[in-house]
Amino acid sequence: MDIHKELDARGLMCPLPILKAKKALSDMTSGEVLKVLATDPGSVRDFQAFARQTGNELVEQQALEVNGQPEYVHFLRRR
């Protein structure tokens, strides 16, 4: 998968990861993919709801452990 833009939202709590992703997507063209890194566990369901409400495609979500801390990766394709 080609990533066109990456957003580091680690350390931010809801709703900031969503708001920053919304802004980043607005600067992208249709079909481009945004990768969002987050540490907020609520971001998993937040990005699912965001995709449903906006029509952007949630291509994939990953839950990782980095240095013993949970990290969440979200891939959104611009509508």
C-alpha atoms as a PDB file:
ATOM      1  CA  MET A   1       0.000   0.000   0.000  1.00  0.00           C
ATOM      2  CA  ASP A   2       1.346   3.415  -0.972  1.00  0.00           C
ATOM      3  CA  ILE A   3       1.290   5.922   1.909  1.00  0.00           C
ATOM      4  CA  HIS A   4       0.969   9.517   0.732  1.00  0.00           C
ATOM      5  CA  LYS A   5       1.031  11.265   4.101  1.00  0.00           C
ATOM      6  CA  GLU A   6       1.794  10.270   7.694  1.00  0.00           C
ATOM      7  CA  LEU A   7       0.347  11.906  10.789  1.00  0.00           C
ATOM      8  CA  ASP A   8       1.869  11.425  14.239  1.00  0.00           C
ATOM      9  CA  ALA A   9      -0.945  11.775  16.781  1.00  0.00           C
ATOM     10  CA  ARG A  10       0.828   9.833  19.531  1.00  0.00           C
ATOM     11  CA  GLY A  11       0.213  11.320  22.966  1.00  0.00           C
ATOM     12  CA  LEU A  12      -2.981  13.072  21.848  1.00  0.00           C
ATOM     13  CA  MET A  13      -6.374  12.133  23.235  1.00  0.00           C
ATOM     14  CA  CYS A  14      -9.798  12.242  21.579  1.00  0.00           C
ATOM     15  CA  PRO A  15     -10.846  14.249  19.637  1.00  0.00           C
ATOM     16  CA  LEU A  16      -7.439  15.580  18.552  1.00  0.00           C
ATOM     17  CA  PRO A  17      -6.301  12.575  16.434  1.00  0.00           C
ATOM     18  CA  ILE A  18      -9.572  12.738  14.477  1.00  0.00           C
ATOM     19  CA  LEU A  19      -9.414  16.515  14.039  1.00  0.00           C
ATOM     20  CA  LYS A  20      -5.809  16.361  12.813  1.00  0.00           C
ATOM     21  CA  ALA A  21      -6.658  13.493  10.445  1.00  0.00           C
ATOM     22  CA  LYS A  22      -9.618  15.443   9.065  1.00  0.00           C
ATOM     23  CA  LYS A  23      -7.370  18.412   8.343  1.00  0.00           C
ATOM     24  CA  ALA A  24      -4.673  16.219   6.760  1.00  0.00           C
ATOM     25  CA  LEU A  25      -7.239  14.473   4.537  1.00  0.00           C
ATOM     26  CA  SER A  26      -8.607  17.818   3.339  1.00  0.00           C
ATOM     27  CA  ASP A  27      -5.167  18.586   1.840  1.00  0.00           C
ATOM     28  CA  MET A  28      -5.033  15.254  -0.009  1.00  0.00           C
ATOM     29  CA  THR A  29      -6.561  14.134  -3.306  1.00  0.00           C
ATOM     30  CA  SER A  30      -9.078  11.338  -3.811  1.00  0.00           C
ATOM     31  CA  GLY A  31      -7.557   7.866  -3.486  1.00  0.00           C
ATOM     32  CA  GLU A  32      -4.499   8.941  -1.487  1.00  0.00           C
ATOM     33  CA  VAL A  33      -3.757   7.115   1.786  1.00  0.00           C
ATOM     34  CA  LEU A  34      -3.136   8.730   5.164  1.00  0.00           C
ATOM     35  CA  LYS A  35      -1.306   6.782   7.888  1.00  0.00           C
ATOM     36  CA  VAL A  36      -2.127   7.888  11.436  1.00  0.00           C
ATOM     37  CA  LEU A  37      -0.060   6.836  14.473  1.00  0.00           C
ATOM     38  CA  ALA A  38      -1.928   7.083  17.779  1.00  0.00           C
ATOM     39  CA  THR A  39      -1.611   5.983  21.398  1.00  0.00           C
ATOM     40  CA  ASP A  40      -5.220   6.624  22.454  1.00  0.00           C
ATOM     41  CA  PRO A  41      -6.991   3.222  22.686  1.00  0.00           C
ATOM     42  CA  GLY A  42     -10.261   4.981  21.876  1.00  0.00           C
ATOM     43  CA  SER A  43      -8.859   5.919  18.478  1.00  0.00           C
ATOM     44  CA  VAL A  44      -9.725   2.430  17.169  1.00  0.00           C
ATOM     45  CA  ARG A  45     -13.477   2.973  17.422  1.00  0.00           C
ATOM     46  CA  ASP A  46     -13.166   6.724  16.769  1.00  0.00           C
ATOM     47  CA  PHE A  47     -11.574   6.137  13.351  1.00  0.00           C
ATOM     48  CA  GLN A  48     -14.161   3.465  12.511  1.00  0.00           C
ATOM     49  CA  ALA A  49     -16.955   5.959  13.227  1.00  0.00           C
ATOM     50  CA  PHE A  50     -15.094   8.763  11.413  1.00  0.00           C
ATOM     51  CA  ALA A  51     -14.799   6.641   8.266  1.00  0.00           C
ATOM     52  CA  ARG A  52     -18.501   5.713   8.342  1.00  0.00           C
ATOM     53  CA  GLN A  53     -19.572   9.327   8.834  1.00  0.00           C
ATOM     54  CA  THR A  54     -17.265  10.935   6.251  1.00  0.00           C
ATOM     55  CA  GLY A  55     -17.166   8.326   3.480  1.00  0.00           C
ATOM     56  CA  ASN A  56     -13.392   7.979   3.699  1.00  0.00           C
ATOM     57  CA  GLU A  57     -12.294   4.334   3.584  1.00  0.00           C
ATOM     58  CA  LEU A  58     -10.678   2.826   6.671  1.00  0.00           C
ATOM     59  CA  VAL A  59      -8.327   0.494   4.821  1.00  0.00           C
ATOM     60  CA  GLU A  60      -6.653  -1.102   7.831  1.00  0.00           C
ATOM     61  CA  GLN A  61      -6.072  -0.759  11.573  1.00  0.00           C
ATOM     62  CA  GLN A  62      -3.191  -2.265  13.534  1.00  0.00           C
ATOM     63  CA  ALA A  63      -2.557  -2.550  17.263  1.00  0.00           C
ATOM     64  CA  LEU A  64       1.153  -2.747  18.063  1.00  0.00           C
ATOM     65  CA  GLU A  65       3.386  -2.679  21.101  1.00  0.00           C
ATOM     66  CA  VAL A  66       6.307  -0.254  20.858  1.00  0.00           C
ATOM     67  CA  ASN A  67       8.755  -0.120  23.757  1.00  0.00           C
ATOM     68  CA  GLY A  68       6.178  -1.831  25.955  1.00  0.00           C
ATOM     69  CA  GLN A  69       3.477   0.748  25.130  1.00  0.00           C
ATOM     70  CA  PRO A  70       0.378   0.189  22.979  1.00  0.00           C
ATOM     71  CA  GLU A  71       0.301   2.014  19.675  1.00  0.00           C
ATOM     72  CA  TYR A  72      -2.449   2.090  17.056  1.00  0.00           C
ATOM     73  CA  VAL A  73      -1.974   2.591  13.327  1.00  0.00           C
ATOM     74  CA  HIS A  74      -4.868   3.646  11.110  1.00  0.00           C
ATOM     75  CA  PHE A  75      -4.817   3.789   7.292  1.00  0.00           C
ATOM     76  CA  LEU A  76      -7.464   5.993   5.674  1.00  0.00           C
ATOM     77  CA  ARG A  77      -8.061   6.373   1.941  1.00  0.00           C
ATOM     78  CA  ARG A  78      -9.367   9.807   0.936  1.00  0.00           C
ATOM     79  CA  ARG A  79     -12.789   9.662  -0.682  1.00  0.00           C
END
